[in-house]
Protein backbone atom coordinates (compact mmCIF):
# COMPACT_ATOMS: atom_id res chain seq x y z
CA UNK A 1 -15.52 -15.67 7.52
CA UNK A 2 -14.60 -12.02 7.04
CA UNK A 3 -16.38 -9.38 9.14
CA UNK A 4 -16.61 -6.18 7.09
CA UNK A 5 -19.07 -3.50 8.16
CA UNK A 6 -20.43 -0.13 7.01
CA UNK A 7 -19.67 3.03 9.02
CA UNK A 8 -20.56 6.72 9.17
CA UNK A 9 -17.76 8.13 7.08
CA UNK A 10 -16.35 11.63 7.38
CA UNK A 11 -15.86 13.02 3.88
CA UNK A 12 -14.95 16.25 2.10
CA UNK A 13 -17.79 18.54 1.10
CA UNK A 14 -18.62 17.69 -2.51
CA UNK A 15 -17.48 21.06 -3.86
CA UNK A 16 -14.07 20.69 -2.18
CA UNK A 17 -13.25 16.99 -2.56
CA UNK A 18 -10.78 17.59 -5.41
CA UNK A 19 -8.97 20.08 -3.17
CA UNK A 20 -9.05 18.02 0.04
CA UNK A 21 -8.05 14.46 -0.95
CA UNK A 22 -4.29 14.12 -1.26
CA UNK A 23 -1.66 11.57 -2.12
CA UNK A 24 0.16 9.96 0.81
CA UNK A 25 2.45 12.55 2.33
CA UNK A 26 5.57 10.46 1.79
CA UNK A 27 5.10 10.64 -2.00
CA UNK A 28 5.75 14.40 -2.03
CA UNK A 29 9.22 15.88 -2.24
CA UNK A 30 9.81 18.76 0.18
CA UNK A 31 9.49 21.62 -2.39
CA UNK A 32 6.31 20.13 -3.85
CA UNK A 33 4.83 19.65 -0.40
CA UNK A 34 5.50 23.27 0.60
CA UNK A 35 3.92 24.48 -2.64
CA UNK A 36 0.80 22.37 -2.11
CA UNK A 37 0.41 23.66 1.43
CA UNK A 38 0.96 27.26 0.39
CA UNK A 39 -1.46 27.21 -2.54
CA UNK A 40 -4.29 25.03 -1.22
CA UNK A 41 -5.87 25.80 2.18
CA UNK A 42 -8.20 22.80 1.84
CA UNK A 43 -5.69 19.99 1.22
CA UNK A 44 -5.70 17.22 3.81
CA UNK A 45 -1.95 17.72 3.91
CA UNK A 46 -2.62 20.58 6.35
CA UNK A 47 -3.97 18.02 8.79
CA UNK A 48 -0.95 15.77 8.36
CA UNK A 49 1.47 18.72 8.43
CA UNK A 50 -0.08 21.12 10.97
CA UNK A 51 3.14 23.06 11.58
CA UNK A 52 2.80 24.84 8.25
CA UNK A 53 -0.21 26.85 9.36
CA UNK A 54 1.29 28.48 12.45
CA UNK A 55 4.99 28.22 11.55
CA UNK A 56 5.80 26.62 14.90
CA UNK A 57 7.85 23.47 14.46
CA UNK A 58 7.19 20.34 16.45
CA UNK A 59 8.99 17.02 16.38
CA UNK A 60 7.36 14.35 14.17
CA UNK A 61 5.57 11.81 16.33
CA UNK A 62 5.80 13.95 19.46
CA UNK A 63 2.74 14.51 21.69
CA UNK A 64 2.79 18.15 20.61
CA UNK A 65 2.69 17.25 16.91
CA UNK A 66 -0.04 14.67 17.36
CA UNK A 67 -2.17 17.12 19.33
CA UNK A 68 -1.82 19.63 16.50
CA UNK A 69 -2.83 16.99 13.93
CA UNK A 70 -5.95 16.24 15.96
CA UNK A 71 -6.75 19.95 16.26
CA UNK A 72 -6.34 20.62 12.52
CA UNK A 73 -8.62 17.69 11.79
CA UNK A 74 -11.22 19.13 14.18
CA UNK A 75 -10.79 22.51 12.48
CA UNK A 76 -11.58 20.94 9.11
CA UNK A 77 -14.77 19.45 10.58
CA UNK A 78 -15.79 22.70 12.30
CA UNK A 79 -15.22 24.69 9.10
CA UNK A 80 -17.39 22.33 7.06
CA UNK A 81 -14.50 21.15 4.91
CA UNK A 82 -15.23 17.64 6.20
CA UNK A 83 -18.76 16.39 6.80
CA UNK A 84 -20.07 13.30 8.56
CA UNK A 85 -22.55 10.94 6.94
CA UNK A 86 -25.76 10.29 8.85
CA UNK A 87 -26.14 6.61 7.98
CA UNK A 88 -23.71 3.68 8.22
CA UNK A 89 -22.44 3.29 4.67
CA UNK A 90 -20.14 1.43 2.38
CA UNK A 91 -18.44 3.47 -0.34
CA UNK A 92 -17.88 2.26 -3.87
CA UNK A 93 -14.67 3.76 -5.22
CA UNK A 94 -13.42 3.65 -8.80
CA UNK A 95 -10.05 4.87 -10.04
CA UNK A 96 -9.10 5.26 -13.69
CA UNK A 97 -5.38 5.56 -14.25
CA UNK A 98 -4.06 5.28 -17.78
CA UNK A 99 -5.41 2.06 -19.24
CA UNK A 100 -6.31 0.64 -15.84
CA UNK A 101 -9.63 0.83 -14.01
CA UNK A 102 -9.88 -0.29 -10.39
CA UNK A 103 -13.14 -0.65 -8.45
CA UNK A 104 -13.30 -1.45 -4.75
CA UNK A 105 -15.54 -1.13 -1.69
CA UNK A 106 -14.53 0.99 1.30
CA UNK A 107 -15.63 -0.43 4.64
CA UNK A 108 -14.23 -1.43 8.01
CA UNK A 109 -12.53 -4.70 8.90
CA UNK A 110 -12.41 -6.34 12.31
CA UNK A 111 -9.26 -6.46 14.42
CA UNK A 112 -10.40 -9.94 15.49
CA UNK A 113 -9.99 -11.07 11.89
CA UNK A 114 -6.42 -9.74 12.03
CA UNK A 115 -5.69 -11.75 15.17
CA UNK A 116 -7.45 -14.96 14.14
CA UNK A 117 -5.91 -15.19 10.66
CA UNK A 118 -8.92 -14.38 8.50
CA UNK A 119 -6.87 -11.37 7.40
CA UNK A 120 -3.79 -12.83 5.72
CA UNK A 121 -0.38 -11.14 5.76
CA UNK A 122 2.70 -11.53 3.58
CA UNK A 123 4.97 -8.79 4.94
CA UNK A 124 6.88 -8.50 8.20
CA UNK A 125 6.16 -5.39 10.25
CA UNK A 126 8.61 -3.44 12.38
CA UNK A 127 7.69 -3.07 16.06
CA UNK A 128 8.98 0.51 16.23
CA UNK A 129 6.86 1.61 13.30
CA UNK A 130 3.82 -0.24 14.65
CA UNK A 131 4.20 1.65 17.93
CA UNK A 132 4.63 5.00 16.18
CA UNK A 133 1.47 4.53 14.13
CA UNK A 134 -0.41 3.22 17.17
CA UNK A 135 0.50 6.37 19.12
CA UNK A 136 -0.74 8.47 16.19
CA UNK A 137 -4.07 6.64 16.13
CA UNK A 138 -4.44 6.83 19.90
CA UNK A 139 -4.28 10.63 19.88
CA UNK A 140 -5.88 11.45 16.53
CA UNK A 141 -8.61 8.76 16.64
CA UNK A 142 -9.01 8.57 12.86
CA UNK A 143 -8.11 6.34 9.94
CA UNK A 144 -7.64 8.67 6.97
CA UNK A 145 -6.07 6.23 4.48
CA UNK A 146 -7.53 2.74 4.04
CA UNK A 147 -5.58 -0.50 4.08
CA UNK A 148 -5.66 -2.14 0.64
CA UNK A 149 -7.26 -5.61 0.83
CA UNK A 150 -8.15 -8.15 -1.83
CA UNK A 151 -10.60 -11.04 -1.86
CA UNK A 152 -11.56 -13.79 -4.34
CA UNK A 153 -13.84 -12.48 -7.09
CA UNK A 154 -17.49 -12.90 -6.13
CA UNK A 155 -20.20 -12.73 -8.80
CA UNK A 156 -22.90 -11.52 -6.40
CA UNK A 157 -20.80 -8.66 -5.07
CA UNK A 158 -19.74 -7.83 -8.62
CA UNK A 159 -23.40 -7.68 -9.65
CA UNK A 160 -24.29 -5.14 -6.98
CA UNK A 161 -21.17 -3.11 -7.79
CA UNK A 162 -22.23 -3.01 -11.44
CA UNK A 163 -25.72 -1.80 -10.49
CA UNK A 164 -24.42 0.95 -8.18
CA UNK A 165 -21.82 2.15 -10.68
CA UNK A 166 -24.61 3.13 -13.09
CA UNK A 167 -26.05 5.59 -10.59
CA UNK A 168 -25.10 9.26 -10.37
CA UNK A 169 -21.85 9.42 -8.41
CA UNK A 170 -21.44 11.45 -5.22
CA UNK A 171 -17.88 12.38 -6.28
CA UNK A 172 -16.36 12.43 -9.74
CA UNK A 173 -13.14 14.38 -10.17
CA UNK A 174 -9.74 14.18 -11.83
CA UNK A 175 -6.50 15.10 -10.09
CA UNK A 176 -3.44 16.77 -11.58
CA UNK A 177 -1.71 13.40 -12.01
CA UNK A 178 -4.42 12.58 -14.59
CA UNK A 179 -6.14 10.05 -12.34
CA UNK A 180 -9.94 10.06 -12.27
CA UNK A 181 -11.64 9.30 -8.95
CA UNK A 182 -15.32 8.35 -8.67
CA UNK A 183 -17.20 7.50 -5.47
CA UNK A 184 -20.74 6.34 -4.69
CA UNK A 185 -22.19 6.31 -1.17
CA UNK A 186 -23.97 3.03 -0.39
CA UNK A 187 -26.31 3.82 2.52
CA UNK A 188 -29.37 1.75 1.63
CA UNK A 189 -29.78 -0.73 4.50
CA UNK A 190 -30.67 -3.65 2.26
CA UNK A 191 -27.52 -3.11 0.21
CA UNK A 192 -25.17 -2.61 3.18
CA UNK A 193 -26.63 -5.71 4.85
CA UNK A 194 -26.20 -7.70 1.66
CA UNK A 195 -22.55 -6.69 1.36
CA UNK A 196 -21.75 -7.49 4.99
CA UNK A 197 -23.43 -10.89 4.76
CA UNK A 198 -21.78 -11.66 1.46
CA UNK A 199 -18.34 -10.86 2.85
CA UNK A 200 -19.11 -13.26 5.70
CA UNK A 201 -19.12 -16.05 3.12
CA UNK A 202 -15.49 -15.30 2.22
CA UNK A 203 -13.00 -17.38 4.19
CA UNK A 204 -10.03 -15.02 3.96
CA UNK A 205 -9.02 -11.57 2.79
CA UNK A 206 -5.46 -10.58 1.99
CA UNK A 207 -3.53 -7.42 2.80
CA UNK A 208 -2.16 -6.14 -0.49
CA UNK A 209 -0.75 -2.90 0.92
CA UNK A 210 -0.83 -1.47 4.44
CA UNK A 211 0.62 -4.08 6.79
CA UNK A 212 1.81 -1.50 9.33
CA UNK A 213 -1.53 0.30 9.30
CA UNK A 214 -3.26 -3.02 9.98
CA UNK A 215 -0.86 -3.98 12.75
CA UNK A 216 -1.04 -0.62 14.50
CA UNK A 217 -4.84 -0.54 14.39
CA UNK A 218 -5.02 -4.04 15.85
CA UNK A 219 -2.46 -3.09 18.49
CA UNK A 220 -4.48 -0.03 19.51
CA UNK A 221 -7.72 -1.99 19.64
CA UNK A 222 -6.14 -4.66 21.84
CA UNK A 223 -4.69 -2.02 24.15
CA UNK A 224 -8.01 -0.20 24.52
CA UNK A 225 -9.82 -3.45 25.21
CA UNK A 226 -7.35 -4.25 27.98
CA UNK A 227 -7.66 -0.78 29.50
CA UNK A 228 -11.45 -0.93 29.41
CA UNK A 229 -11.56 -4.34 31.04
CA UNK A 230 -14.67 -5.23 29.05
CA UNK A 231 -16.11 -4.18 25.74
CA UNK A 232 -19.34 -4.64 23.80
CA UNK A 233 -17.88 -4.99 20.32
CA UNK A 234 -19.48 -1.89 18.88
CA UNK A 235 -16.67 0.43 19.96
CA UNK A 236 -14.91 2.01 17.01
CA UNK A 237 -11.50 0.70 18.03
CA UNK A 238 -12.62 -2.85 17.21
CA UNK A 239 -12.46 -1.99 13.50
CA UNK A 240 -10.27 -0.14 11.05
CA UNK A 241 -10.59 1.38 7.59
CA UNK A 242 -10.03 -0.72 4.49
CA UNK A 243 -10.75 -0.76 0.79
CA UNK A 244 -11.61 -4.18 -0.59
CA UNK A 245 -10.86 -5.13 -4.19
CA UNK A 246 -11.60 -8.40 -5.97
CA UNK A 247 -8.30 -10.02 -6.89
CA UNK A 248 -8.79 -9.42 -10.60
CA UNK A 249 -8.98 -5.64 -10.03
CA UNK A 250 -5.47 -5.21 -8.62
CA UNK A 251 -2.20 -4.82 -10.50
CA UNK A 252 0.98 -6.16 -8.95
CA UNK A 253 4.07 -4.50 -10.37
CA UNK A 254 7.65 -5.60 -10.01
CA UNK A 255 9.83 -3.97 -7.36
CA UNK A 256 13.35 -3.59 -8.73
CA UNK A 257 16.78 -2.94 -7.24
CA UNK A 258 19.73 -0.68 -8.06
CA UNK A 259 23.14 -0.92 -6.39
CA UNK A 260 25.85 1.68 -5.87
CA UNK A 261 28.90 -0.49 -6.56
CA UNK A 262 30.06 -3.97 -7.50
CA UNK A 263 31.83 -4.66 -4.20
CA UNK A 264 35.27 -4.02 -5.71
CA UNK A 265 34.73 -6.28 -8.74
CA UNK A 266 35.27 -5.28 -12.35
CA UNK A 267 32.38 -5.73 -14.77
CA UNK A 268 34.03 -8.86 -16.16
CA UNK A 269 34.61 -10.35 -12.69
CA UNK A 270 31.03 -9.54 -11.68
CA UNK A 271 29.55 -11.24 -14.75
CA UNK A 272 31.80 -14.26 -14.25
CA UNK A 273 30.48 -14.63 -10.71
CA UNK A 274 26.92 -14.43 -11.99
CA UNK A 275 27.57 -17.10 -14.60
CA UNK A 276 27.85 -19.69 -11.84
CA UNK A 277 24.11 -19.41 -11.18
CA UNK A 278 22.71 -17.86 -14.37
CA UNK A 279 22.90 -18.27 -18.11
CA UNK A 280 23.82 -14.79 -19.30
CA UNK A 281 22.83 -13.24 -22.63
CA UNK A 282 23.92 -9.74 -23.67
CA UNK A 283 20.90 -7.81 -25.02
CA UNK A 284 22.84 -4.65 -25.90
CA UNK A 285 21.28 -1.23 -25.41
CA UNK A 286 17.71 -2.37 -26.10
CA UNK A 287 15.42 -2.27 -23.05
CA UNK A 288 14.93 -5.73 -21.62
CA UNK A 289 11.94 -6.82 -19.57
CA UNK A 290 12.19 -10.21 -17.82
CA UNK A 291 10.07 -12.69 -19.76
CA UNK A 292 9.02 -15.06 -16.99
CA UNK A 293 9.71 -16.20 -13.44
CA UNK A 294 13.43 -16.74 -12.67
CA UNK A 295 14.47 -14.50 -15.56
CA UNK A 296 16.17 -11.33 -14.27
CA UNK A 297 17.28 -8.28 -16.19
CA UNK A 298 20.66 -6.70 -15.42
CA UNK A 299 21.56 -3.17 -16.53
CA UNK A 300 25.28 -2.44 -16.46
CA UNK A 301 27.29 0.27 -18.27
CA UNK A 302 24.56 1.08 -20.76
CA UNK A 303 23.79 -2.53 -21.69
CA UNK A 304 21.09 -4.98 -20.71
CA UNK A 305 21.71 -8.63 -19.89
CA UNK A 306 19.24 -11.47 -19.50
CA UNK A 307 20.01 -13.62 -16.45
CA UNK A 308 18.29 -17.00 -16.69
CA UNK A 309 18.50 -19.03 -13.50
CA UNK A 310 20.08 -22.43 -14.06
CA UNK A 311 17.55 -25.12 -13.22
CA UNK A 312 19.93 -26.98 -10.95
CA UNK A 313 20.30 -23.88 -8.77
CA UNK A 314 16.63 -23.96 -7.80
CA UNK A 315 17.00 -26.60 -5.09
CA UNK A 316 14.09 -25.52 -2.89
CA UNK A 317 10.50 -25.05 -3.91
CA UNK A 318 9.12 -23.46 -0.75
CA UNK A 319 7.04 -20.33 -1.47
CA UNK A 320 9.71 -17.80 -0.47
CA UNK A 321 12.70 -19.45 -2.12
CA UNK A 322 11.00 -19.39 -5.51
CA UNK A 323 10.50 -15.62 -5.40
CA UNK A 324 12.88 -13.82 -7.73
CA UNK A 325 13.53 -11.16 -5.10
CA UNK A 326 14.76 -13.89 -2.75
CA UNK A 327 16.80 -15.57 -5.50
CA UNK A 328 18.49 -12.26 -6.32
CA UNK A 329 19.37 -11.70 -2.67
CA UNK A 330 20.63 -15.24 -2.06
CA UNK A 331 22.60 -15.65 -5.28
CA UNK A 332 23.76 -12.12 -6.15
CA UNK A 333 23.30 -9.37 -3.61
CA UNK A 334 24.56 -11.23 -0.57
CA UNK A 335 27.32 -13.61 -1.84
CA UNK A 336 28.67 -11.45 -4.69
CA UNK A 337 27.96 -7.85 -3.67
CA UNK A 338 28.10 -8.22 0.10
CA UNK A 339 24.62 -6.74 0.62
CA UNK A 340 23.22 -8.89 3.41
CA UNK A 341 20.44 -6.79 4.95
CA UNK A 342 18.13 -5.03 2.52
CA UNK A 343 16.52 -3.04 5.33
CA UNK A 344 19.71 -1.33 6.47
CA UNK A 345 22.34 -1.47 3.70
CA UNK A 346 22.72 1.97 2.06
CA UNK A 347 24.29 0.48 -1.08
CA UNK A 348 20.96 -0.77 -2.42
CA UNK A 349 17.84 1.18 -3.37
CA UNK A 350 14.41 0.02 -4.51
CA UNK A 351 12.60 1.12 -7.65
CA UNK A 352 8.83 0.54 -8.06
CA UNK A 353 8.04 -1.14 -11.36
CA UNK A 354 5.43 1.52 -12.06
CA UNK A 355 8.37 3.80 -12.94
CA UNK A 356 9.29 1.46 -15.79
CA UNK A 357 12.81 0.54 -16.81
CA UNK A 358 13.78 4.23 -16.72
CA UNK A 359 13.68 3.90 -12.95
CA UNK A 360 16.65 1.57 -13.34
CA UNK A 361 18.54 3.03 -16.31
CA UNK A 362 18.48 6.70 -15.29
CA UNK A 363 20.32 6.43 -11.95
CA UNK A 364 22.87 4.08 -13.55
CA UNK A 365 23.40 6.31 -16.61
CA UNK A 366 23.74 9.33 -14.33
CA UNK A 367 26.49 7.59 -12.40
CA UNK A 368 24.64 7.66 -9.10
CA UNK A 369 24.25 3.87 -9.17
CA UNK A 370 26.45 1.22 -10.76
CA UNK A 371 23.96 -1.48 -11.80
CA UNK A 372 20.27 -2.31 -11.74
CA UNK A 373 18.16 -5.46 -11.62
CA UNK A 374 14.71 -5.83 -13.18
CA UNK A 375 12.52 -8.54 -11.66
CA UNK A 376 9.49 -10.38 -12.99
CA UNK A 377 6.33 -9.30 -11.09
CA UNK A 378 4.99 -11.49 -8.32
CA UNK A 379 1.68 -13.11 -9.22
CA UNK A 380 -1.46 -12.98 -7.09
CA UNK A 381 -1.22 -16.74 -6.61
CA UNK A 382 2.32 -16.35 -5.25
CA UNK A 383 1.21 -13.59 -2.88
CA UNK A 384 -1.66 -15.72 -1.57
CA UNK A 385 0.52 -18.80 -1.18
CA UNK A 386 3.03 -16.83 0.88
CA UNK A 387 0.22 -15.53 3.10
CA UNK A 388 -1.62 -18.86 3.36
CA UNK A 389 1.53 -20.64 4.52
CA UNK A 390 2.39 -17.92 7.06
CA UNK A 391 5.53 -16.97 5.20
CA UNK A 392 7.03 -13.52 4.72
CA UNK A 393 8.26 -11.94 1.49
CA UNK A 394 11.62 -10.16 1.32
CA UNK A 395 11.42 -6.37 1.76
CA UNK A 396 10.06 -4.40 -1.21
CA UNK A 397 8.90 -7.36 -3.28
CA UNK A 398 5.57 -6.04 -4.58
CA UNK A 399 4.22 -2.67 -5.66
CA UNK A 400 0.42 -2.87 -5.75
CA UNK A 401 -1.90 -0.49 -7.56
CA UNK A 402 -4.11 1.41 -7.07
CA UNK A 403 -2.95 3.88 -4.43
CA UNK A 404 -5.81 5.55 -2.55
CA UNK A 405 -5.94 9.23 -1.58
CA UNK A 406 -5.78 10.33 2.06
CA UNK A 407 -8.80 12.18 3.41
CA UNK A 408 -11.24 10.85 0.80
CA UNK A 409 -13.24 8.84 3.35
CA UNK A 410 -12.27 8.97 7.04
CA UNK A 411 -13.17 6.53 9.81
CA UNK A 412 -13.67 7.87 13.33
CA UNK A 413 -12.27 5.39 15.86
CA UNK A 414 -14.32 7.01 18.63
CA UNK A 415 -17.59 6.41 16.78
CA UNK A 416 -19.87 3.56 17.82
CA UNK A 417 -20.61 1.15 14.98
CA UNK A 418 -23.46 -1.26 14.29
CA UNK A 419 -22.14 -4.52 15.76
């Protein structure tokens, strides 16, 4: 059963929330980031980038930088930019982006569920990055961006969500990227108890996005338990921030690839190599989206090709081997193009499907890349099967929406919780 609990969130003052909550810092290009920091004294980016305020540079991840992050966070609290809720609460969050609406519940998940397998994973984490994030949490003592979880649709939870969503919202604002954000505080004890008990009836929850944040939070909690020698269970480090969506609410986009060269092959030689594993059909200059699993789009010299995997080439039906990202690596990138390690090879780049086919065609047409591959999106059932069987997807296989803003609801790791 999943243990998901309410907490006393730290949130932006209502009149400043549209100014405080920010996209993840790594989504900003340097000029845009400097402009945001210069024009908006309330953006949470000032907490994440504390050097901007005093002009004194510190090394990312250094003790000096982390101490400044903690201090800027405390400044935001002292100045009333961030305020702490008085009651343990869940938070109903809704995001409207284009034609999509996503509704999830913000709460805290247990590190024990991470260790005992109730929280399911499908992505391999890097020890160095886990340690870096753990050090950040150890000094700053906050979760400012929730891990994205999903769970099987539950009619009873959906019913309460529907009831709450008809109330007057605590936040309702639209950001400059034309995304509308709405949030309701759920602090009624009967409703928070109902949600916690209902989540206990769910056997497993799945990480959709945020594997390193989960791993680092669990690592910190384990370390603090060991240092303490004993613990009661209500210490804040036993939990970490998450947003929980029913499976039907999430959108899984494809995650595509572009390559810088053809490993010394001519176009004709490259296509001939591909024909050993795929049936190839030239689609001309008309955009081509893969139609189904094991159908891959290739963009080369201004033309699209449909690559249909030959049935006899699919010799293994284990969950990973049937992923198109794995098929592309095993049958094209590694044997034909000599790209063996997607994590380190500089000849390959990844393009989120949310950018559309332009994310593939533009770098190729500009001459920066030589060819691009469009993949069919992974399904939720594939993601769950990978996680349920303790398998790991290849790097950059899924792009999951929605993306949640940093600083919208913050969890204090030093705060005692209701255990």
